[in-house]
C-alpha cells in the first residue's frame, strides 16, 4: 500500500469532515405548513410567513385570538397581540367553508360564491376582485342589509353588525332599463317615504340602472325585499321606511 501524500491526506480529511456534518433539518412547523406565533407579555409579535393570508388552526393561549383584533395577516407575515398564542396555516381559498372565494386576488370566478362573516359585530373585508356583488344566502341571525351591514368597495365585499352570508358576483340585473350596474349618473337620487307605515311608490329613472339604498332617514328599518324594493321604474317603501336611494 502506497503511503498517502500530504495533499491526498488533506483532501481525505476534508471530505470526511464534510460527510460528518449534519445539515439542519427543516422544522416540523415548516414541513407541515404550520407556523406558531406567540404574543408574550401581551406585546405584539410579528412572524414572517411569506403568505398573503393566514388561517388560525389551533389556539394555544387562554387569551382570546380574534382575527382583526388580536391577530391578522399583513405584508407576508402574521401578527399577534394581547397574549394571543396560536398555530396558523396559509389560507389559500375561501374561509370558513366558502365555495372558492374569500381571500386571494383570484377569487370570485363566475358562478362561485364567497363567504364573508362579521365577527363580534366588527366590520370585515373580504377581497373578491368584483365590481359588484349580490347576497345569495344569509347565514347569520343578524340581518344582512345592503348598504347598511354589507356592501362592495374597492374590489372587496364588506360586512358588519354581525352579518354573515355568502355572496356571488353581480354582473347586472335583467330587469334594468339598459343601465345595469354603475352606468348611471352618480348624482342621481330619489327620496321615498312610507307614511303611517303605508306602501309608497316613487318613480325611478330606469336609465340609471337598479337603485341602491344610500341613506336611511327613518327610525324604522329599511330592509330590501321587506320594507323597500324596486320594480319596473319604481322604488317602493313600506313599514315606515324612509330613505334616499341612488346609483351604485
C-alpha atoms as a PDB file:
ATOM      1  CA  UNK A   1       0.000   0.000   0.000  1.00  0.00           C
ATOM      2  CA  UNK A   2       1.411   3.312  -1.083  1.00  0.00           C
ATOM      3  CA  UNK A   3       1.785   5.996   1.553  1.00  0.00           C
ATOM      4  CA  UNK A   4      -0.613   8.897   1.163  1.00  0.00           C
ATOM      5  CA  UNK A   5       0.868  12.184   0.127  1.00  0.00           C
ATOM      6  CA  UNK A   6       0.190  15.230   2.278  1.00  0.00           C
ATOM      7  CA  UNK A   7      -2.135  16.643  -0.403  1.00  0.00           C
ATOM      8  CA  UNK A   8      -4.155  13.415  -0.622  1.00  0.00           C
ATOM      9  CA  UNK A   9      -4.379  13.197   3.148  1.00  0.00           C
ATOM     10  CA  UNK A  10      -5.711  16.758   3.359  1.00  0.00           C
ATOM     11  CA  UNK A  11      -8.407  16.064   0.750  1.00  0.00           C
ATOM     12  CA  UNK A  12      -9.428  12.848   2.520  1.00  0.00           C
ATOM     13  CA  UNK A  13      -9.743  14.570   5.877  1.00  0.00           C
ATOM     14  CA  UNK A  14     -11.741  17.448   4.356  1.00  0.00           C
ATOM     15  CA  UNK A  15     -14.241  15.109   2.672  1.00  0.00           C
ATOM     16  CA  UNK A  16     -14.631  13.056   5.804  1.00  0.00           C
ATOM     17  CA  UNK A  17     -15.291  16.153   7.827  1.00  0.00           C
ATOM     18  CA  UNK A  18     -17.955  17.371   5.433  1.00  0.00           C
ATOM     19  CA  UNK A  19     -19.647  13.994   5.426  1.00  0.00           C
ATOM     20  CA  UNK A  20     -19.814  14.086   9.190  1.00  0.00           C
ATOM     21  CA  UNK A  21     -21.554  17.452   9.258  1.00  0.00           C
ATOM     22  CA  UNK A  22     -25.312  17.245   9.818  1.00  0.00           C
ATOM     23  CA  UNK A  23     -27.297  19.719   7.744  1.00  0.00           C
ATOM     24  CA  UNK A  24     -30.037  21.404   9.746  1.00  0.00           C
ATOM     25  CA  UNK A  25     -33.392  19.691   9.130  1.00  0.00           C
ATOM     26  CA  UNK A  26     -36.459  21.778   8.381  1.00  0.00           C
ATOM     27  CA  UNK A  27     -38.562  22.330  11.439  1.00  0.00           C
ATOM     28  CA  UNK A  28     -41.718  20.332  11.938  1.00  0.00           C
ATOM     29  CA  UNK A  29     -43.659  23.553  11.546  1.00  0.00           C
ATOM     30  CA  UNK A  30     -42.153  24.261   8.151  1.00  0.00           C
ATOM     31  CA  UNK A  31     -42.680  20.679   6.974  1.00  0.00           C
ATOM     32  CA  UNK A  32     -46.320  20.628   7.993  1.00  0.00           C
ATOM     33  CA  UNK A  33     -47.030  24.162   6.771  1.00  0.00           C
ATOM     34  CA  UNK A  34     -47.946  25.277  10.302  1.00  0.00           C
ATOM     35  CA  UNK A  35     -46.486  28.402  11.894  1.00  0.00           C
ATOM     36  CA  UNK A  36     -46.701  29.136  15.606  1.00  0.00           C
ATOM     37  CA  UNK A  37     -46.821  32.800  16.587  1.00  0.00           C
ATOM     38  CA  UNK A  38     -46.990  33.929  20.213  1.00  0.00           C
ATOM     39  CA  UNK A  39     -47.615  37.254  21.920  1.00  0.00           C
ATOM     40  CA  UNK A  40     -45.525  37.301  25.092  1.00  0.00           C
ATOM     41  CA  UNK A  41     -46.407  39.694  27.943  1.00  0.00           C
ATOM     42  CA  UNK A  42     -49.288  40.981  25.794  1.00  0.00           C
ATOM     43  CA  UNK A  43     -46.842  42.557  23.342  1.00  0.00           C
ATOM     44  CA  UNK A  44     -47.261  42.454  19.581  1.00  0.00           C
ATOM     45  CA  UNK A  45     -45.216  39.835  17.797  1.00  0.00           C
ATOM     46  CA  UNK A  46     -44.718  39.586  14.028  1.00  0.00           C
ATOM     47  CA  UNK A  47     -43.932  36.200  12.474  1.00  0.00           C
ATOM     48  CA  UNK A  48     -42.765  36.130   8.863  1.00  0.00           C
ATOM     49  CA  UNK A  49     -44.566  33.576   6.681  1.00  0.00           C
ATOM     50  CA  UNK A  50     -44.482  34.785   3.089  1.00  0.00           C
ATOM     51  CA  UNK A  51     -48.230  34.094   2.932  1.00  0.00           C
ATOM     52  CA  UNK A  52     -50.738  36.548   1.604  1.00  0.00           C
ATOM     53  CA  UNK A  53     -53.341  35.423   4.145  1.00  0.00           C
ATOM     54  CA  UNK A  54     -53.466  33.032   7.070  1.00  0.00           C
ATOM     55  CA  UNK A  55     -55.975  30.879   8.897  1.00  0.00           C
ATOM     56  CA  UNK A  56     -55.891  30.047  12.612  1.00  0.00           C
ATOM     57  CA  UNK A  57     -55.953  26.287  13.165  1.00  0.00           C
ATOM     58  CA  UNK A  58     -55.225  25.935  16.888  1.00  0.00           C
ATOM     59  CA  UNK A  59     -55.340  28.456  19.740  1.00  0.00           C
ATOM     60  CA  UNK A  60     -52.702  27.822  22.403  1.00  0.00           C
ATOM     61  CA  UNK A  61     -53.405  30.694  24.780  1.00  0.00           C
ATOM     62  CA  UNK A  62     -56.022  31.369  27.376  1.00  0.00           C
ATOM     63  CA  UNK A  63     -56.270  34.881  25.947  1.00  0.00           C
ATOM     64  CA  UNK A  64     -58.643  35.190  23.016  1.00  0.00           C
ATOM     65  CA  UNK A  65     -57.306  35.068  19.454  1.00  0.00           C
ATOM     66  CA  UNK A  66     -59.731  37.137  17.381  1.00  0.00           C
ATOM     67  CA  UNK A  67     -58.833  37.950  13.793  1.00  0.00           C
ATOM     68  CA  UNK A  68     -58.565  41.666  13.201  1.00  0.00           C
ATOM     69  CA  UNK A  69     -58.323  42.325  16.924  1.00  0.00           C
ATOM     70  CA  UNK A  70     -55.557  40.162  18.377  1.00  0.00           C
ATOM     71  CA  UNK A  71     -54.142  38.613  15.226  1.00  0.00           C
ATOM     72  CA  UNK A  72     -54.043  39.177  11.491  1.00  0.00           C
ATOM     73  CA  UNK A  73     -52.025  38.977   8.259  1.00  0.00           C
ATOM     74  CA  UNK A  74     -50.093  41.749   6.561  1.00  0.00           C
ATOM     75  CA  UNK A  75     -47.136  42.045   4.187  1.00  0.00           C
ATOM     76  CA  UNK A  76     -46.313  38.341   4.174  1.00  0.00           C
ATOM     77  CA  UNK A  77     -46.423  37.943   7.935  1.00  0.00           C
ATOM     78  CA  UNK A  78     -48.743  37.136  10.852  1.00  0.00           C
ATOM     79  CA  UNK A  79     -49.092  39.485  13.804  1.00  0.00           C
ATOM     80  CA  UNK A  80     -50.403  38.589  17.252  1.00  0.00           C
ATOM     81  CA  UNK A  81     -51.003  40.768  20.301  1.00  0.00           C
ATOM     82  CA  UNK A  82     -52.702  40.902  23.722  1.00  0.00           C
ATOM     83  CA  UNK A  83     -51.473  37.457  24.718  1.00  0.00           C
ATOM     84  CA  UNK A  84     -52.747  35.548  21.685  1.00  0.00           C
ATOM     85  CA  UNK A  85     -50.696  32.405  21.024  1.00  0.00           C
ATOM     86  CA  UNK A  86     -51.761  30.139  18.192  1.00  0.00           C
ATOM     87  CA  UNK A  87     -50.822  27.996  15.214  1.00  0.00           C
ATOM     88  CA  UNK A  88     -51.622  29.153  11.706  1.00  0.00           C
ATOM     89  CA  UNK A  89     -51.654  27.798   8.170  1.00  0.00           C
ATOM     90  CA  UNK A  90     -51.830  29.513   4.818  1.00  0.00           C
ATOM     91  CA  UNK A  91     -55.343  30.421   3.679  1.00  0.00           C
ATOM     92  CA  UNK A  92     -55.451  29.546   0.009  1.00  0.00           C
ATOM     93  CA  UNK A  93     -59.139  29.684  -0.845  1.00  0.00           C
ATOM     94  CA  UNK A  94     -62.336  30.613   0.925  1.00  0.00           C
ATOM     95  CA  UNK A  95     -62.507  30.682   4.708  1.00  0.00           C
ATOM     96  CA  UNK A  96     -64.960  29.012   6.979  1.00  0.00           C
ATOM     97  CA  UNK A  97     -66.139  26.707   4.213  1.00  0.00           C
ATOM     98  CA  UNK A  98     -66.938  29.197   1.500  1.00  0.00           C
ATOM     99  CA  UNK A  99     -67.008  27.946  -2.037  1.00  0.00           C
ATOM    100  CA  UNK A 100     -63.893  29.149  -3.745  1.00  0.00           C
ATOM    101  CA  UNK A 101     -63.515  32.750  -2.671  1.00  0.00           C
ATOM    102  CA  UNK A 102     -62.951  34.860   0.357  1.00  0.00           C
ATOM    103  CA  UNK A 103     -59.241  35.567   0.250  1.00  0.00           C
ATOM    104  CA  UNK A 104     -56.923  35.666  -2.724  1.00  0.00           C
ATOM    105  CA  UNK A 105     -56.904  38.005  -5.658  1.00  0.00           C
ATOM    106  CA  UNK A 106     -58.186  35.286  -7.996  1.00  0.00           C
ATOM    107  CA  UNK A 107     -61.425  34.902  -6.111  1.00  0.00           C
ATOM    108  CA  UNK A 108     -64.877  35.337  -7.471  1.00  0.00           C
ATOM    109  CA  UNK A 109     -64.688  33.268 -10.609  1.00  0.00           C
ATOM    110  CA  UNK A 110     -68.005  33.212 -12.470  1.00  0.00           C
ATOM    111  CA  UNK A 111     -70.625  31.088 -10.747  1.00  0.00           C
ATOM    112  CA  UNK A 112     -68.706  30.805  -7.487  1.00  0.00           C
ATOM    113  CA  UNK A 113     -69.594  32.219  -4.091  1.00  0.00           C
ATOM    114  CA  UNK A 114     -67.557  33.547  -1.189  1.00  0.00           C
ATOM    115  CA  UNK A 115     -68.430  33.585   2.480  1.00  0.00           C
ATOM    116  CA  UNK A 116     -67.797  36.758   4.463  1.00  0.00           C
ATOM    117  CA  UNK A 117     -68.543  36.989   8.184  1.00  0.00           C
ATOM    118  CA  UNK A 118     -68.686  39.859  10.683  1.00  0.00           C
ATOM    119  CA  UNK A 119     -67.391  38.509  13.990  1.00  0.00           C
ATOM    120  CA  UNK A 120     -68.325  40.307  17.217  1.00  0.00           C
ATOM    121  CA  UNK A 121     -70.221  42.874  15.119  1.00  0.00           C
ATOM    122  CA  UNK A 122     -66.948  44.194  13.690  1.00  0.00           C
ATOM    123  CA  UNK A 123     -66.530  45.152  10.054  1.00  0.00           C
ATOM    124  CA  UNK A 124     -64.804  42.564   7.908  1.00  0.00           C
ATOM    125  CA  UNK A 125     -63.493  42.998   4.354  1.00  0.00           C
ATOM    126  CA  UNK A 126     -63.180  40.002   2.025  1.00  0.00           C
ATOM    127  CA  UNK A 127     -61.220  40.635  -1.219  1.00  0.00           C
ATOM    128  CA  UNK A 128     -63.021  39.311  -4.294  1.00  0.00           C
ATOM    129  CA  UNK A 129     -61.976  41.453  -7.228  1.00  0.00           C
ATOM    130  CA  UNK A 130     -65.622  42.067  -8.174  1.00  0.00           C
ATOM    131  CA  UNK A 131     -67.128  45.385  -9.073  1.00  0.00           C
ATOM    132  CA  UNK A 132     -70.476  44.404  -7.588  1.00  0.00           C
ATOM    133  CA  UNK A 133     -71.904  41.524  -5.567  1.00  0.00           C
ATOM    134  CA  UNK A 134     -75.238  40.022  -4.617  1.00  0.00           C
ATOM    135  CA  UNK A 135     -76.188  38.182  -1.455  1.00  0.00           C
ATOM    136  CA  UNK A 136     -77.113  34.575  -2.202  1.00  0.00           C
ATOM    137  CA  UNK A 137     -77.506  33.095   1.295  1.00  0.00           C
ATOM    138  CA  UNK A 138     -77.679  34.728   4.728  1.00  0.00           C
ATOM    139  CA  UNK A 139     -76.017  32.641   7.447  1.00  0.00           C
ATOM    140  CA  UNK A 140     -76.489  34.907  10.459  1.00  0.00           C
ATOM    141  CA  UNK A 141     -79.360  35.708  12.733  1.00  0.00           C
ATOM    142  CA  UNK A 142     -78.377  39.366  12.424  1.00  0.00           C
ATOM    143  CA  UNK A 143     -79.829  40.994   9.290  1.00  0.00           C
ATOM    144  CA  UNK A 144     -77.680  41.494   6.209  1.00  0.00           C
ATOM    145  CA  UNK A 145     -78.927  44.724   4.623  1.00  0.00           C
ATOM    146  CA  UNK A 146     -77.067  46.047   1.602  1.00  0.00           C
ATOM    147  CA  UNK A 147     -75.631  49.467   2.264  1.00  0.00           C
ATOM    148  CA  UNK A 148     -76.109  49.063   5.996  1.00  0.00           C
ATOM    149  CA  UNK A 149     -74.443  45.822   7.068  1.00  0.00           C
ATOM    150  CA  UNK A 150     -72.835  44.719   3.808  1.00  0.00           C
ATOM    151  CA  UNK A 151     -71.660  46.176   0.530  1.00  0.00           C
ATOM    152  CA  UNK A 152     -68.878  46.274  -2.046  1.00  0.00           C
ATOM    153  CA  UNK A 153     -65.989  48.722  -2.273  1.00  0.00           C
ATOM    154  CA  UNK A 154     -62.544  48.649  -3.840  1.00  0.00           C
ATOM    155  CA  UNK A 155     -62.904  45.094  -5.110  1.00  0.00           C
ATOM    156  CA  UNK A 156     -63.946  43.634  -1.752  1.00  0.00           C
ATOM    157  CA  UNK A 157     -67.156  42.632  -0.006  1.00  0.00           C
ATOM    158  CA  UNK A 158     -67.535  44.179   3.453  1.00  0.00           C
ATOM    159  CA  UNK A 159     -69.824  43.012   6.239  1.00  0.00           C
ATOM    160  CA  UNK A 160     -70.568  44.467   9.682  1.00  0.00           C
ATOM    161  CA  UNK A 161     -73.025  44.354  12.596  1.00  0.00           C
ATOM    162  CA  UNK A 162     -72.938  40.552  12.777  1.00  0.00           C
ATOM    163  CA  UNK A 163     -73.870  39.904   9.136  1.00  0.00           C
ATOM    164  CA  UNK A 164     -72.609  36.529   7.901  1.00  0.00           C
ATOM    165  CA  UNK A 165     -73.504  35.492   4.379  1.00  0.00           C
ATOM    166  CA  UNK A 166     -72.471  34.011   1.061  1.00  0.00           C
ATOM    167  CA  UNK A 167     -72.089  36.305  -1.929  1.00  0.00           C
ATOM    168  CA  UNK A 168     -71.699  35.974  -5.687  1.00  0.00           C
ATOM    169  CA  UNK A 169     -70.645  38.378  -8.381  1.00  0.00           C
ATOM    170  CA  UNK A 170     -73.423  40.601  -9.697  1.00  0.00           C
ATOM    171  CA  UNK A 171     -72.838  41.479 -13.331  1.00  0.00           C
ATOM    172  CA  UNK A 172     -76.190  43.164 -13.839  1.00  0.00           C
ATOM    173  CA  UNK A 173     -79.904  42.922 -13.295  1.00  0.00           C
ATOM    174  CA  UNK A 174     -82.081  41.558 -16.073  1.00  0.00           C
ATOM    175  CA  UNK A 175     -84.945  43.957 -15.431  1.00  0.00           C
ATOM    176  CA  UNK A 176     -82.894  47.123 -15.648  1.00  0.00           C
ATOM    177  CA  UNK A 177     -83.604  49.575 -18.394  1.00  0.00           C
ATOM    178  CA  UNK A 178     -80.233  49.488 -20.087  1.00  0.00           C
ATOM    179  CA  UNK A 179     -78.333  50.909 -17.154  1.00  0.00           C
ATOM    180  CA  UNK A 180     -77.134  47.737 -15.447  1.00  0.00           C
ATOM    181  CA  UNK A 181     -74.621  48.337 -12.657  1.00  0.00           C
ATOM    182  CA  UNK A 182     -72.686  51.516 -12.312  1.00  0.00           C
ATOM    183  CA  UNK A 183     -73.832  53.008 -15.613  1.00  0.00           C
ATOM    184  CA  UNK A 184     -75.956  55.865 -14.265  1.00  0.00           C
ATOM    185  CA  UNK A 185     -75.478  59.388 -13.022  1.00  0.00           C
ATOM    186  CA  UNK A 186     -73.719  59.217  -9.660  1.00  0.00           C
ATOM    187  CA  UNK A 187     -75.527  62.379  -8.559  1.00  0.00           C
ATOM    188  CA  UNK A 188     -78.969  60.957  -9.267  1.00  0.00           C
ATOM    189  CA  UNK A 189     -81.039  60.075  -6.186  1.00  0.00           C
ATOM    190  CA  UNK A 190     -84.639  59.668  -5.064  1.00  0.00           C
ATOM    191  CA  UNK A 191     -86.014  60.021  -1.546  1.00  0.00           C
ATOM    192  CA  UNK A 192     -89.008  57.812  -0.821  1.00  0.00           C
ATOM    193  CA  UNK A 193     -91.074  57.769   2.387  1.00  0.00           C
ATOM    194  CA  UNK A 194     -93.585  55.334   3.860  1.00  0.00           C
ATOM    195  CA  UNK A 195     -96.012  57.488   5.837  1.00  0.00           C
ATOM    196  CA  UNK A 196     -98.129  55.843   8.530  1.00  0.00           C
ATOM    197  CA  UNK A 197     -96.479  52.526   7.602  1.00  0.00           C
ATOM    198  CA  UNK A 198     -98.223  52.523   4.224  1.00  0.00           C
ATOM    199  CA  UNK A 199     -96.624  51.387   0.981  1.00  0.00           C
ATOM    200  CA  UNK A 200     -95.414  54.249  -1.169  1.00  0.00           C
ATOM    201  CA  UNK A 201     -94.190  54.047  -4.795  1.00  0.00           C
ATOM    202  CA  UNK A 202     -91.661  56.571  -6.084  1.00  0.00           C
ATOM    203  CA  UNK A 203     -90.651  56.979  -9.721  1.00  0.00           C
ATOM    204  CA  UNK A 204     -87.134  55.925 -10.653  1.00  0.00           C
ATOM    205  CA  UNK A 205     -85.350  56.643 -13.947  1.00  0.00           C
ATOM    206  CA  UNK A 206     -84.693  53.169 -15.377  1.00  0.00           C
ATOM    207  CA  UNK A 207     -81.772  54.538 -17.385  1.00  0.00           C
ATOM    208  CA  UNK A 208     -79.873  54.852 -14.094  1.00  0.00           C
ATOM    209  CA  UNK A 209     -79.890  51.089 -13.557  1.00  0.00           C
ATOM    210  CA  UNK A 210     -81.007  49.419 -10.375  1.00  0.00           C
ATOM    211  CA  UNK A 211     -81.181  51.668  -7.270  1.00  0.00           C
ATOM    212  CA  UNK A 212     -79.342  51.051  -4.019  1.00  0.00           C
ATOM    213  CA  UNK A 213     -80.108  52.374  -0.559  1.00  0.00           C
ATOM    214  CA  UNK A 214     -77.669  55.202   0.104  1.00  0.00           C
ATOM    215  CA  UNK A 215     -79.007  56.612   3.370  1.00  0.00           C
ATOM    216  CA  UNK A 216     -81.723  55.503   5.771  1.00  0.00           C
ATOM    217  CA  UNK A 217     -83.633  58.528   7.059  1.00  0.00           C
ATOM    218  CA  UNK A 218     -86.184  56.787   9.276  1.00  0.00           C
ATOM    219  CA  UNK A 219     -86.071  55.154  12.658  1.00  0.00           C
ATOM    220  CA  UNK A 220     -87.856  52.166  11.129  1.00  0.00           C
ATOM    221  CA  UNK A 221     -85.564  49.684   9.390  1.00  0.00           C
ATOM    222  CA  UNK A 222     -85.242  49.797   5.605  1.00  0.00           C
ATOM    223  CA  UNK A 223     -84.591  46.210   4.536  1.00  0.00           C
ATOM    224  CA  UNK A 224     -84.553  45.312   0.864  1.00  0.00           C
ATOM    225  CA  UNK A 225     -87.269  42.854  -0.016  1.00  0.00           C
ATOM    226  CA  UNK A 226     -89.044  43.515   3.239  1.00  0.00           C
ATOM    227  CA  UNK A 227     -89.595  47.254   3.595  1.00  0.00           C
ATOM    228  CA  UNK A 228     -88.237  48.504   0.278  1.00  0.00           C
ATOM    229  CA  UNK A 229     -87.661  47.251  -3.213  1.00  0.00           C
ATOM    230  CA  UNK A 230     -87.551  48.110  -6.902  1.00  0.00           C
ATOM    231  CA  UNK A 231     -89.761  47.083  -9.783  1.00  0.00           C
ATOM    232  CA  UNK A 232     -90.089  48.472 -13.307  1.00  0.00           C
ATOM    233  CA  UNK A 233     -89.099  52.069 -12.825  1.00  0.00           C
ATOM    234  CA  UNK A 234     -90.402  52.469  -9.296  1.00  0.00           C
ATOM    235  CA  UNK A 235     -88.918  52.260  -5.832  1.00  0.00           C
ATOM    236  CA  UNK A 236     -91.389  51.114  -3.189  1.00  0.00           C
ATOM    237  CA  UNK A 237     -91.142  51.547   0.571  1.00  0.00           C
ATOM    238  CA  UNK A 238     -93.349  50.305   3.422  1.00  0.00           C
ATOM    239  CA  UNK A 239     -93.482  49.741   7.197  1.00  0.00           C
ATOM    240  CA  UNK A 240     -92.264  53.258   7.947  1.00  0.00           C
ATOM    241  CA  UNK A 241     -89.109  53.099   5.854  1.00  0.00           C
ATOM    242  CA  UNK A 242     -87.862  56.472   4.635  1.00  0.00           C
ATOM    243  CA  UNK A 243     -84.616  56.570   2.711  1.00  0.00           C
ATOM    244  CA  UNK A 244     -82.575  58.097  -0.064  1.00  0.00           C
ATOM    245  CA  UNK A 245     -81.814  55.837  -3.000  1.00  0.00           C
ATOM    246  CA  UNK A 246     -79.148  56.410  -5.581  1.00  0.00           C
ATOM    247  CA  UNK A 247     -76.969  54.891  -8.252  1.00  0.00           C
ATOM    248  CA  UNK A 248     -74.352  52.308  -7.382  1.00  0.00           C
END
